[in-house]
Structure formats: C-alpha cells, structure tokens
PDB file of N, CA and C in Angstrom:
ATOM      1  N   MET A   1      40.995  92.787 100.490  1.00  0.00           N
ATOM      2  CA  MET A   1      42.032  93.295 101.472  1.00  0.00           C
ATOM      3  C   MET A   1      43.315  93.802 100.622  1.00  0.00           C
ATOM      4  N   ILE A   2      42.934  94.843 101.336  1.00  0.00           N
ATOM      5  CA  ILE A   2      43.946  96.185 100.642  1.00  0.00           C
ATOM      6  C   ILE A   2      45.447  95.965 100.957  1.00  0.00           C
ATOM      7  N   ASP A   3      46.419  95.885 100.402  1.00  0.00           N
ATOM      8  CA  ASP A   3      47.885  95.935 100.976  1.00  0.00           C
ATOM      9  C   ASP A   3      48.393  96.824  99.958  1.00  0.00           C
ATOM     10  N   LYS A   4      50.068  96.420 100.330  1.00  0.00           N
ATOM     11  CA  LYS A   4      50.880  97.022  99.557  1.00  0.00           C
ATOM     12  C   LYS A   4      51.199  95.614  98.523  1.00  0.00           C
ATOM     13  N   TYR A   5      51.270  95.833  97.444  1.00  0.00           N
ATOM     14  CA  TYR A   5      51.221  94.583  96.604  1.00  0.00           C
ATOM     15  C   TYR A   5      52.586  94.182  95.861  1.00  0.00           C
ATOM     16  N   GLU A   6      53.647  93.391  95.637  1.00  0.00           N
ATOM     17  CA  GLU A   6      54.547  93.454  94.848  1.00  0.00           C
ATOM     18  C   GLU A   6      54.439  93.533  93.426  1.00  0.00           C
ATOM     19  N   VAL A   7      55.311  94.103  92.621  1.00  0.00           N
ATOM     20  CA  VAL A   7      55.386  94.493  91.570  1.00  0.00           C
ATOM     21  C   VAL A   7      56.324  93.356  90.543  1.00  0.00           C
ATOM     22  N   VAL A   8      55.984  92.393  89.662  1.00  0.00           N
ATOM     23  CA  VAL A   8      56.974  91.345  89.306  1.00  0.00           C
ATOM     24  C   VAL A   8      56.804  91.875  87.938  1.00  0.00           C
ATOM     25  N   THR A   9      58.225  91.798  87.472  1.00  0.00           N
ATOM     26  CA  THR A   9      57.866  91.828  85.777  1.00  0.00           C
ATOM     27  C   THR A   9      58.952  90.308  85.344  1.00  0.00           C
ATOM     28  N   LEU A  10      57.758  90.039  84.623  1.00  0.00           N
ATOM     29  CA  LEU A  10      57.995  88.488  83.663  1.00  0.00           C
ATOM     30  C   LEU A  10      59.424  88.607  82.933  1.00  0.00           C
ATOM     31  N   CYS A  11      60.017  87.708  82.429  1.00  0.00           N
ATOM     32  CA  CYS A  11      61.189  88.326  81.626  1.00  0.00           C
ATOM     33  C   CYS A  11      61.482  86.121  80.892  1.00  0.00           C
ATOM     34  N   GLY A  12      61.755  86.715  79.988  1.00  0.00           N
ATOM     35  CA  GLY A  12      61.814  85.199  79.300  1.00  0.00           C
ATOM     36  C   GLY A  12      61.567  84.982  77.526  1.00  0.00           C
ATOM     37  N   SER A  13      61.868  83.708  77.114  1.00  0.00           N
ATOM     38  CA  SER A  13      62.042  83.826  75.948  1.00  0.00           C
ATOM     39  C   SER A  13      60.067  83.785  75.454  1.00  0.00           C
ATOM     40  N   THR A  14      59.907  84.701  74.382  1.00  0.00           N
ATOM     41  CA  THR A  14      58.238  84.691  74.054  1.00  0.00           C
ATOM     42  C   THR A  14      57.711  83.710  73.289  1.00  0.00           C
ATOM     43  N   ARG A  15      58.758  82.636  73.434  1.00  0.00           N
ATOM     44  CA  ARG A  15      58.155  81.603  72.281  1.00  0.00           C
ATOM     45  C   ARG A  15      57.303  80.349  73.345  1.00  0.00           C
ATOM     46  N   PHE A  16      57.856  80.847  74.712  1.00  0.00           N
ATOM     47  CA  PHE A  16      56.918  80.246  76.011  1.00  0.00           C
ATOM     48  C   PHE A  16      55.488  80.876  76.272  1.00  0.00           C
ATOM     49  N   LYS A  17      54.633  81.425  75.275  1.00  0.00           N
ATOM     50  CA  LYS A  17      53.614  82.287  75.426  1.00  0.00           C
ATOM     51  C   LYS A  17      52.678  81.724  76.551  1.00  0.00           C
ATOM     52  N   GLU A  18      52.355  80.355  76.716  1.00  0.00           N
ATOM     53  CA  GLU A  18      51.403  79.634  77.494  1.00  0.00           C
ATOM     54  C   GLU A  18      52.009  79.534  78.909  1.00  0.00           C
ATOM     55  N   ASP A  19      53.371  79.751  78.654  1.00  0.00           N
ATOM     56  CA  ASP A  19      53.911  79.620  80.070  1.00  0.00           C
ATOM     57  C   ASP A  19      53.775  81.233  81.295  1.00  0.00           C
ATOM     58  N   PHE A  20      54.303  81.716  80.078  1.00  0.00           N
ATOM     59  CA  PHE A  20      53.949  83.326  80.304  1.00  0.00           C
ATOM     60  C   PHE A  20      52.386  83.516  81.358  1.00  0.00           C
ATOM     61  N   MET A  21      51.584  82.951  80.302  1.00  0.00           N
ATOM     62  CA  MET A  21      50.011  83.245  80.683  1.00  0.00           C
ATOM     63  C   MET A  21      50.200  82.572  82.098  1.00  0.00           C
ATOM     64  N   SER A  22      50.112  81.530  82.230  1.00  0.00           N
ATOM     65  CA  SER A  22      50.113  80.618  83.220  1.00  0.00           C
ATOM     66  C   SER A  22      50.487  81.011  84.910  1.00  0.00           C
ATOM     67  N   VAL A  23      51.887  81.828  84.532  1.00  0.00           N
ATOM     68  CA  VAL A  23      52.725  82.333  85.564  1.00  0.00           C
ATOM     69  C   VAL A  23      52.125  83.925  86.092  1.00  0.00           C
ATOM     70  N   GLN A  24      52.106  84.124  84.877  1.00  0.00           N
ATOM     71  CA  GLN A  24      51.189  85.725  85.431  1.00  0.00           C
ATOM     72  C   GLN A  24      49.703  85.244  86.117  1.00  0.00           C
ATOM     73  N   LYS A  25      49.044  84.160  85.624  1.00  0.00           N
ATOM     74  CA  LYS A  25      47.677  83.981  86.685  1.00  0.00           C
ATOM     75  C   LYS A  25      48.192  83.523  88.142  1.00  0.00           C
ATOM     76  N   GLU A  26      49.412  82.434  88.155  1.00  0.00           N
ATOM     77  CA  GLU A  26      49.752  82.164  89.466  1.00  0.00           C
ATOM     78  C   GLU A  26      50.225  83.415  90.078  1.00  0.00           C
ATOM     79  N   LEU A  27      51.074  84.226  89.566  1.00  0.00           N
ATOM     80  CA  LEU A  27      51.260  85.167  90.706  1.00  0.00           C
ATOM     81  C   LEU A  27      50.419  86.186  91.477  1.00  0.00           C
ATOM     82  N   THR A  28      49.430  86.283  89.964  1.00  0.00           N
ATOM     83  CA  THR A  28      48.260  87.449  90.400  1.00  0.00           C
ATOM     84  C   THR A  28      47.458  86.772  91.659  1.00  0.00           C
ATOM     85  N   LEU A  29      47.227  85.657  91.368  1.00  0.00           N
ATOM     86  CA  LEU A  29      46.043  84.753  92.326  1.00  0.00           C
ATOM     87  C   LEU A  29      46.989  84.794  94.042  1.00  0.00           C
ATOM     88  N   GLN A  30      48.490  85.567  93.981  1.00  0.00           N
ATOM     89  CA  GLN A  30      49.440  85.427  95.113  1.00  0.00           C
ATOM     90  C   GLN A  30      49.541  86.710  95.633  1.00  0.00           C
ATOM     91  N   GLY A  31      48.906  87.185  94.779  1.00  0.00           N
ATOM     92  CA  GLY A  31      48.450  89.142  95.438  1.00  0.00           C
ATOM     93  C   GLY A  31      49.839  89.725  94.516  1.00  0.00           C
ATOM     94  N   LYS A  32      50.351  89.341  93.645  1.00  0.00           N
ATOM     95  CA  LYS A  32      51.128  90.448  92.978  1.00  0.00           C
ATOM     96  C   LYS A  32      50.731  90.965  91.852  1.00  0.00           C
ATOM     97  N   ILE A  33      51.296  92.110  91.690  1.00  0.00           N
ATOM     98  CA  ILE A  33      50.940  92.938  90.262  1.00  0.00           C
ATOM     99  C   ILE A  33      52.134  92.375  89.417  1.00  0.00           C
ATOM    100  N   VAL A  34      51.598  91.976  88.157  1.00  0.00           N
ATOM    101  CA  VAL A  34      52.503  91.352  87.274  1.00  0.00           C
ATOM    102  C   VAL A  34      52.634  92.330  86.133  1.00  0.00           C
ATOM    103  N   ILE A  35      53.364  92.550  85.694  1.00  0.00           N
ATOM    104  CA  ILE A  35      53.890  93.391  84.650  1.00  0.00           C
ATOM    105  C   ILE A  35      54.519  92.047  83.259  1.00  0.00           C
ATOM    106  N   SER A  36      53.970  92.264  82.036  1.00  0.00           N
ATOM    107  CA  SER A  36      54.443  91.126  81.001  1.00  0.00           C
ATOM    108  C   SER A  36      54.961  91.817  79.833  1.00  0.00           C
ATOM    109  N   VAL A  37      55.495  90.985  78.850  1.00  0.00           N
ATOM    110  CA  VAL A  37      55.316  91.545  77.947  1.00  0.00           C
ATOM    111  C   VAL A  37      54.620  91.973  77.065  1.00  0.00           C
ATOM    112  N   GLY A  38      54.418  92.700  75.979  1.00  0.00           N
ATOM    113  CA  GLY A  38      53.575  93.336  75.319  1.00  0.00           C
ATOM    114  C   GLY A  38      53.283  92.506  73.917  1.00  0.00           C
ATOM    115  N   LEU A  39      54.227  91.983  73.428  1.00  0.00           N
ATOM    116  CA  LEU A  39      54.178  91.333  72.674  1.00  0.00           C
ATOM    117  C   LEU A  39      54.758  89.853  72.382  1.00  0.00           C
ATOM    118  N   PHE A  40      54.420  88.571  71.611  1.00  0.00           N
ATOM    119  CA  PHE A  40      54.898  87.397  71.715  1.00  0.00           C
ATOM    120  C   PHE A  40      55.430  87.424  70.218  1.00  0.00           C
ATOM    121  N   GLY A  41      56.764  87.745  69.976  1.00  0.00           N
ATOM    122  CA  GLY A  41      57.268  87.991  68.557  1.00  0.00           C
ATOM    123  C   GLY A  41      57.693  86.439  68.151  1.00  0.00           C
ATOM    124  N   HIS A  42      57.942  85.379  69.127  1.00  0.00           N
ATOM    125  CA  HIS A  42      58.610  84.364  68.653  1.00  0.00           C
ATOM    126  C   HIS A  42      57.232  82.779  68.723  1.00  0.00           C
ATOM    127  N   ALA A  43      56.127  84.158  68.975  1.00  0.00           N
ATOM    128  CA  ALA A  43      54.708  83.195  69.012  1.00  0.00           C
ATOM    129  C   ALA A  43      53.619  83.590  68.035  1.00  0.00           C
ATOM    130  N   GLY A  44      54.448  84.401  67.146  1.00  0.00           N
ATOM    131  CA  GLY A  44      53.662  84.934  65.869  1.00  0.00           C
ATOM    132  C   GLY A  44      53.214  86.631  65.836  1.00  0.00           C
ATOM    133  N   ASP A  45      53.830  87.263  66.803  1.00  0.00           N
ATOM    134  CA  ASP A  45      53.249  88.813  66.825  1.00  0.00           C
ATOM    135  C   ASP A  45      54.398  89.573  66.249  1.00  0.00           C
ATOM    136  N   ASN A  46      54.904  88.828  65.492  1.00  0.00           N
ATOM    137  CA  ASN A  46      56.158  89.828  64.826  1.00  0.00           C
ATOM    138  C   ASN A  46      55.972  90.389  63.589  1.00  0.00           C
ATOM    139  N   GLU A  47      54.914  89.911  62.686  1.00  0.00           N
ATOM    140  CA  GLU A  47      54.020  90.825  61.451  1.00  0.00           C
ATOM    141  C   GLU A  47      54.709  92.049  61.484  1.00  0.00           C
ATOM    142  N   VAL A  48      54.031  92.821  62.213  1.00  0.00           N
ATOM    143  CA  VAL A  48      54.507  94.250  62.042  1.00  0.00           C
ATOM    144  C   VAL A  48      55.713  94.688  62.666  1.00  0.00           C
ATOM    145  N   TRP A  49      56.855  94.026  62.836  1.00  0.00           N
ATOM    146  CA  TRP A  49      57.960  94.872  63.351  1.00  0.00           C
ATOM    147  C   TRP A  49      58.485  95.263  62.250  1.00  0.00           C
ATOM    148  N   ASP A  50      59.108  96.492  62.268  1.00  0.00           N
ATOM    149  CA  ASP A  50      60.271  96.995  61.377  1.00  0.00           C
ATOM    150  C   ASP A  50      61.870  97.137  62.050  1.00  0.00           C
ATOM    151  N   ASP A  51      62.737  97.231  61.313  1.00  0.00           N
ATOM    152  CA  ASP A  51      64.202  97.249  61.999  1.00  0.00           C
ATOM    153  C   ASP A  51      64.438  97.882  63.012  1.00  0.00           C
ATOM    154  N   ASN A  52      63.529  98.822  63.965  1.00  0.00           N
ATOM    155  CA  ASN A  52      63.865  99.241  65.054  1.00  0.00           C
ATOM    156  C   ASN A  52      62.890  98.478  66.090  1.00  0.00           C
ATOM    157  N   THR A  53      61.882  97.781  66.194  1.00  0.00           N
ATOM    158  CA  THR A  53      61.086  97.373  66.783  1.00  0.00           C
ATOM    159  C   THR A  53      61.686  96.488  68.133  1.00  0.00           C
ATOM    160  N   LYS A  54      62.433  95.180  67.936  1.00  0.00           N
ATOM    161  CA  LYS A  54      63.214  94.858  68.777  1.00  0.00           C
ATOM    162  C   LYS A  54      63.931  95.550  69.891  1.00  0.00           C
ATOM    163  N   GLU A  55      64.853  96.389  69.273  1.00  0.00           N
ATOM    164  CA  GLU A  55      65.611  97.492  69.930  1.00  0.00           C
ATOM    165  C   GLU A  55      64.279  98.097  70.907  1.00  0.00           C
ATOM    166  N   MET A  56      63.412  98.571  70.498  1.00  0.00           N
ATOM    167  CA  MET A  56      62.602  99.685  71.071  1.00  0.00           C
ATOM    168  C   MET A  56      61.871  98.618  72.319  1.00  0.00           C
ATOM    169  N   LEU A  57      61.401  97.164  72.005  1.00  0.00           N
ATOM    170  CA  LEU A  57      60.763  96.429  72.866  1.00  0.00           C
ATOM    171  C   LEU A  57      62.191  95.822  74.009  1.00  0.00           C
ATOM    172  N   ASP A  58      63.101  96.140  73.393  1.00  0.00           N
ATOM    173  CA  ASP A  58      63.993  95.390  74.554  1.00  0.00           C
ATOM    174  C   ASP A  58      64.331  96.604  75.486  1.00  0.00           C
ATOM    175  N   ASP A  59      64.245  98.089  75.037  1.00  0.00           N
ATOM    176  CA  ASP A  59      64.504  98.862  75.661  1.00  0.00           C
ATOM    177  C   ASP A  59      63.365  99.147  76.921  1.00  0.00           C
ATOM    178  N   MET A  60      62.013  98.975  76.336  1.00  0.00           N
ATOM    179  CA  MET A  60      60.915  99.299  77.323  1.00  0.00           C
ATOM    180  C   MET A  60      60.770  98.549  78.004  1.00  0.00           C
ATOM    181  N   HIS A  61      61.327  96.545  77.753  1.00  0.00           N
ATOM    182  CA  HIS A  61      61.150  95.933  79.244  1.00  0.00           C
ATOM    183  C   HIS A  61      61.974  96.155  80.000  1.00  0.00           C
ATOM    184  N   LYS A  62      62.982  96.755  79.582  1.00  0.00           N
ATOM    185  CA  LYS A  62      64.511  97.386  81.123  1.00  0.00           C
ATOM    186  C   LYS A  62      63.435  98.408  81.878  1.00  0.00           C
ATOM    187  N   ARG A  63      62.778  99.292  80.961  1.00  0.00           N
ATOM    188  CA  ARG A  63      61.794 100.039  82.065  1.00  0.00           C
ATOM    189  C   ARG A  63      60.449  99.395  82.568  1.00  0.00           C
ATOM    190  N   LYS A  64      60.470  98.146  82.148  1.00  0.00           N
ATOM    191  CA  LYS A  64      59.395  97.229  83.336  1.00  0.00           C
ATOM    192  C   LYS A  64      59.886  96.822  84.256  1.00  0.00           C
ATOM    193  N   ILE A  65      61.168  96.302  84.276  1.00  0.00           N
ATOM    194  CA  ILE A  65      62.146  96.055  85.149  1.00  0.00           C
ATOM    195  C   ILE A  65      61.998  97.323  86.222  1.00  0.00           C
ATOM    196  N   ASP A  66      62.680  98.115  85.875  1.00  0.00           N
ATOM    197  CA  ASP A  66      62.570  99.635  86.462  1.00  0.00           C
ATOM    198  C   ASP A  66      61.364  99.816  87.486  1.00  0.00           C
ATOM    199  N   MET A  67      60.133  99.578  87.089  1.00  0.00           N
ATOM    200  CA  MET A  67      59.031  99.644  87.988  1.00  0.00           C
ATOM    201  C   MET A  67      58.342  98.352  88.745  1.00  0.00           C
ATOM    202  N   ALA A  68      59.407  97.306  88.627  1.00  0.00           N
ATOM    203  CA  ALA A  68      58.789  96.290  89.427  1.00  0.00           C
ATOM    204  C   ALA A  68      59.804  96.202  90.977  1.00  0.00           C
ATOM    205  N   ASP A  69      59.146  95.504  91.341  1.00  0.00           N
ATOM    206  CA  ASP A  69      60.186  95.070  92.709  1.00  0.00           C
ATOM    207  C   ASP A  69      61.505  94.082  92.484  1.00  0.00           C
ATOM    208  N   SER A  70      60.919  93.201  91.339  1.00  0.00           N
ATOM    209  CA  SER A  70      61.613  92.063  91.243  1.00  0.00           C
ATOM    210  C   SER A  70      61.251  91.276  90.170  1.00  0.00           C
ATOM    211  N   ILE A  71      61.958  90.663  89.023  1.00  0.00           N
ATOM    212  CA  ILE A  71      61.572  89.763  88.065  1.00  0.00           C
ATOM    213  C   ILE A  71      61.652  88.109  88.508  1.00  0.00           C
ATOM    214  N   PHE A  72      60.737  87.677  87.329  1.00  0.00           N
ATOM    215  CA  PHE A  72      60.288  86.236  87.467  1.00  0.00           C
ATOM    216  C   PHE A  72      60.796  85.767  85.461  1.00  0.00           C
ATOM    217  N   VAL A  73      61.625  84.902  85.763  1.00  0.00           N
ATOM    218  CA  VAL A  73      62.252  84.538  84.634  1.00  0.00           C
ATOM    219  C   VAL A  73      61.378  83.063  84.305  1.00  0.00           C
ATOM    220  N   ILE A  74      60.759  83.209  83.159  1.00  0.00           N
ATOM    221  CA  ILE A  74      60.473  81.762  82.314  1.00  0.00           C
ATOM    222  C   ILE A  74      61.600  81.145  81.552  1.00  0.00           C
ATOM    223  N   ASN A  75      61.985  80.411  82.298  1.00  0.00           N
ATOM    224  CA  ASN A  75      63.372  79.515  81.856  1.00  0.00           C
ATOM    225  C   ASN A  75      62.865  77.869  81.515  1.00  0.00           C
ATOM    226  N   LYS A  76      61.851  77.980  80.731  1.00  0.00           N
ATOM    227  CA  LYS A  76      61.519  76.367  80.504  1.00  0.00           C
ATOM    228  C   LYS A  76      62.571  75.720  80.036  1.00  0.00           C
ATOM    229  N   ASN A  77      62.690  74.230  80.309  1.00  0.00           N
ATOM    230  CA  ASN A  77      64.106  73.453  79.857  1.00  0.00           C
ATOM    231  C   ASN A  77      64.999  74.017  79.928  1.00  0.00           C
ATOM    232  N   HIS A  78      65.509  75.027  81.186  1.00  0.00           N
ATOM    233  CA  HIS A  78      66.603  76.073  81.379  1.00  0.00           C
ATOM    234  C   HIS A  78      66.752  76.927  80.294  1.00  0.00           C
ATOM    235  N   TYR A  79      66.163  77.327  79.243  1.00  0.00           N
ATOM    236  CA  TYR A  79      66.327  78.229  77.871  1.00  0.00           C
ATOM    237  C   TYR A  79      66.715  79.622  78.649  1.00  0.00           C
ATOM    238  N   ILE A  80      67.478  80.080  78.239  1.00  0.00           N
ATOM    239  CA  ILE A  80      67.777  81.599  78.324  1.00  0.00           C
ATOM    240  C   ILE A  80      68.275  82.154  77.227  1.00  0.00           C
ATOM    241  N   GLY A  81      67.592  83.172  76.140  1.00  0.00           N
ATOM    242  CA  GLY A  81      68.392  83.562  75.129  1.00  0.00           C
ATOM    243  C   GLY A  81      69.071  84.921  75.898  1.00  0.00           C
ATOM    244  N   LYS A  82      69.344  85.331  74.710  1.00  0.00           N
ATOM    245  CA  LYS A  82      70.573  86.811  74.751  1.00  0.00           C
ATOM    246  C   LYS A  82      69.749  87.817  75.569  1.00  0.00           C
ATOM    247  N   SER A  83      68.534  87.717  74.958  1.00  0.00           N
ATOM    248  CA  SER A  83      67.801  89.342  75.199  1.00  0.00           C
ATOM    249  C   SER A  83      67.068  89.292  77.148  1.00  0.00           C
ATOM    250  N   THR A  84      67.167  87.780  77.186  1.00  0.00           N
ATOM    251  CA  THR A  84      66.179  87.436  78.401  1.00  0.00           C
ATOM    252  C   THR A  84      67.634  87.505  79.644  1.00  0.00           C
ATOM    253  N   ARG A  85      68.754  87.229  79.088  1.00  0.00           N
ATOM    254  CA  ARG A  85      70.088  87.528  79.762  1.00  0.00           C
ATOM    255  C   ARG A  85      70.635  88.536  80.278  1.00  0.00           C
ATOM    256  N   SER A  86      70.311  89.634  79.068  1.00  0.00           N
ATOM    257  CA  SER A  86      70.776  90.772  79.350  1.00  0.00           C
ATOM    258  C   SER A  86      69.631  91.575  80.322  1.00  0.00           C
ATOM    259  N   GLU A  87      68.123  90.922  80.858  1.00  0.00           N
ATOM    260  CA  GLU A  87      67.410  91.546  81.234  1.00  0.00           C
ATOM    261  C   GLU A  87      67.778  90.884  82.818  1.00  0.00           C
ATOM    262  N   ILE A  88      68.152  89.968  83.128  1.00  0.00           N
ATOM    263  CA  ILE A  88      68.824  89.637  84.409  1.00  0.00           C
ATOM    264  C   ILE A  88      69.940  89.918  84.725  1.00  0.00           C
ATOM    265  N   GLU A  89      70.979  90.387  83.939  1.00  0.00           N
ATOM    266  CA  GLU A  89      72.154  91.256  84.253  1.00  0.00           C
ATOM    267  C   GLU A  89      71.104  92.616  84.771  1.00  0.00           C
ATOM    268  N   TYR A  90      70.352  93.298  83.963  1.00  0.00           N
ATOM    269  CA  TYR A  90      70.118  94.769  84.450  1.00  0.00           C
ATOM    270  C   TYR A  90      69.456  94.451  85.787  1.00  0.00           C
ATOM    271  N   ALA A  91      68.617  93.926  85.633  1.00  0.00           N
ATOM    272  CA  ALA A  91      67.985  93.598  87.042  1.00  0.00           C
ATOM    273  C   ALA A  91      68.801  93.103  88.410  1.00  0.00           C
ATOM    274  N   GLU A  92      69.790  92.846  88.050  1.00  0.00           N
ATOM    275  CA  GLU A  92      70.707  92.006  89.295  1.00  0.00           C
ATOM    276  C   GLU A  92      71.882  93.636  89.683  1.00  0.00           C
ATOM    277  N   ASN A  93      72.057  94.289  88.238  1.00  0.00           N
ATOM    278  CA  ASN A  93      72.994  95.428  88.236  1.00  0.00           C
ATOM    279  C   ASN A  93      71.800  96.735  89.177  1.00  0.00           C
ATOM    280  N   THR A  94      70.551  96.766  89.551  1.00  0.00           N
ATOM    281  CA  THR A  94      69.851  97.583  89.945  1.00  0.00           C
ATOM    282  C   THR A  94      69.484  96.938  91.182  1.00  0.00           C
ATOM    283  N   GLY A  95      69.893  95.968  91.609  1.00  0.00           N
ATOM    284  CA  GLY A  95      69.535  95.171  93.067  1.00  0.00           C
ATOM    285  C   GLY A  95      67.898  94.630  93.139  1.00  0.00           C
ATOM    286  N   LYS A  96      67.130  94.144  92.107  1.00  0.00           N
ATOM    287  CA  LYS A  96      66.452  93.651  91.829  1.00  0.00           C
ATOM    288  C   LYS A  96      66.367  92.109  91.918  1.00  0.00           C
ATOM    289  N   PRO A  97      65.823  91.200  93.046  1.00  0.00           N
ATOM    290  CA  PRO A  97      65.491  89.869  93.120  1.00  0.00           C
ATOM    291  C   PRO A  97      65.378  89.181  91.772  1.00  0.00           C
ATOM    292  N   VAL A  98      65.843  88.241  91.673  1.00  0.00           N
ATOM    293  CA  VAL A  98      65.609  87.535  90.627  1.00  0.00           C
ATOM    294  C   VAL A  98      65.264  86.060  90.583  1.00  0.00           C
ATOM    295  N   HIS A  99      63.842  85.659  90.334  1.00  0.00           N
ATOM    296  CA  HIS A  99      63.152  84.302  90.591  1.00  0.00           C
ATOM    297  C   HIS A  99      63.422  83.408  89.533  1.00  0.00           C
ATOM    298  N   TYR A 100      63.257  82.163  88.910  1.00  0.00           N
ATOM    299  CA  TYR A 100      63.415  81.829  88.119  1.00  0.00           C
ATOM    300  C   TYR A 100      61.895  80.597  88.024  1.00  0.00           C
ATOM    301  N   LEU A 101      61.749  79.992  86.740  1.00  0.00           N
ATOM    302  CA  LEU A 101      60.381  78.983  86.860  1.00  0.00           C
ATOM    303  C   LEU A 101      61.234  77.744  87.505  1.00  0.00           C
ATOM    304  N   GLU A 102      62.307  77.486  86.673  1.00  0.00           N
ATOM    305  CA  GLU A 102      63.000  76.478  86.953  1.00  0.00           C
ATOM    306  C   GLU A 102      64.180  76.559  87.453  1.00  0.00           C
ATOM    307  N   THR A 103      65.195  76.411  88.526  1.00  0.00           N
ATOM    308  CA  THR A 103      66.340  76.755  89.072  1.00  0.00           C
ATOM    309  C   THR A 103      67.412  76.677  88.005  1.00  0.00           C
ATOM    310  N   PRO A 104      68.056  77.613  87.703  1.00  0.00           N
ATOM    311  CA  PRO A 104      69.423  77.869  86.959  1.00  0.00           C
ATOM    312  C   PRO A 104      70.527  76.772  87.228  1.00  0.00           C
TER     313      PRO A 104
END
C-alpha cells in the first residue's frame, strides 16, 4: 500500500538506546517514517565529541523536528532532561503534536 506516511521524530535521553530502537521499530511497523538521533552520547557514542558537538547535535535535532509531523518522547521512568525539554517546547511552539512513551 502506498500512502502519505506520517513523519515522527524521536526525542529523549540517549541513555535509553534500546528504547529508541524498540520505539523506532514499533512506529515503523505502524507505517510511520521515523527520524531518530544520529549518536547515542549517553550510551558511549561521545568519544569523538569536541566542545561544539553537543550544540551542533541539539540544533540538528530541532531541524529534524522541523521535518516531522509530530514528535515521540522516550521518557522512560518519566525522565526528561534539559535537551529533551527544550525539544518538547520547540515542537509545541511550532505546532507539532507531542506523544510520550509514558504519560507525563
């Protein structure tokens, strides 16, 4: 079936790498195009970072939110860090629906 697919950007702490992979799979099987993080800094992908990397990655993720129809927040154990909170606020301010793994 060819259709217009909803585009969803995943947001959340990169310490939850396995949850990112699980949610990505689930949403893909629901027929959604999933945009995710490029690195899992809190899961060991930060060995090549310099002083500007975090700022660049945060900005890139907001551009990923721009490309999406909605965001899906991976807030395992209700955890939402500073970067994720910023992404939620950005999505809300640009009119994007926000969905959560766990109800906040």
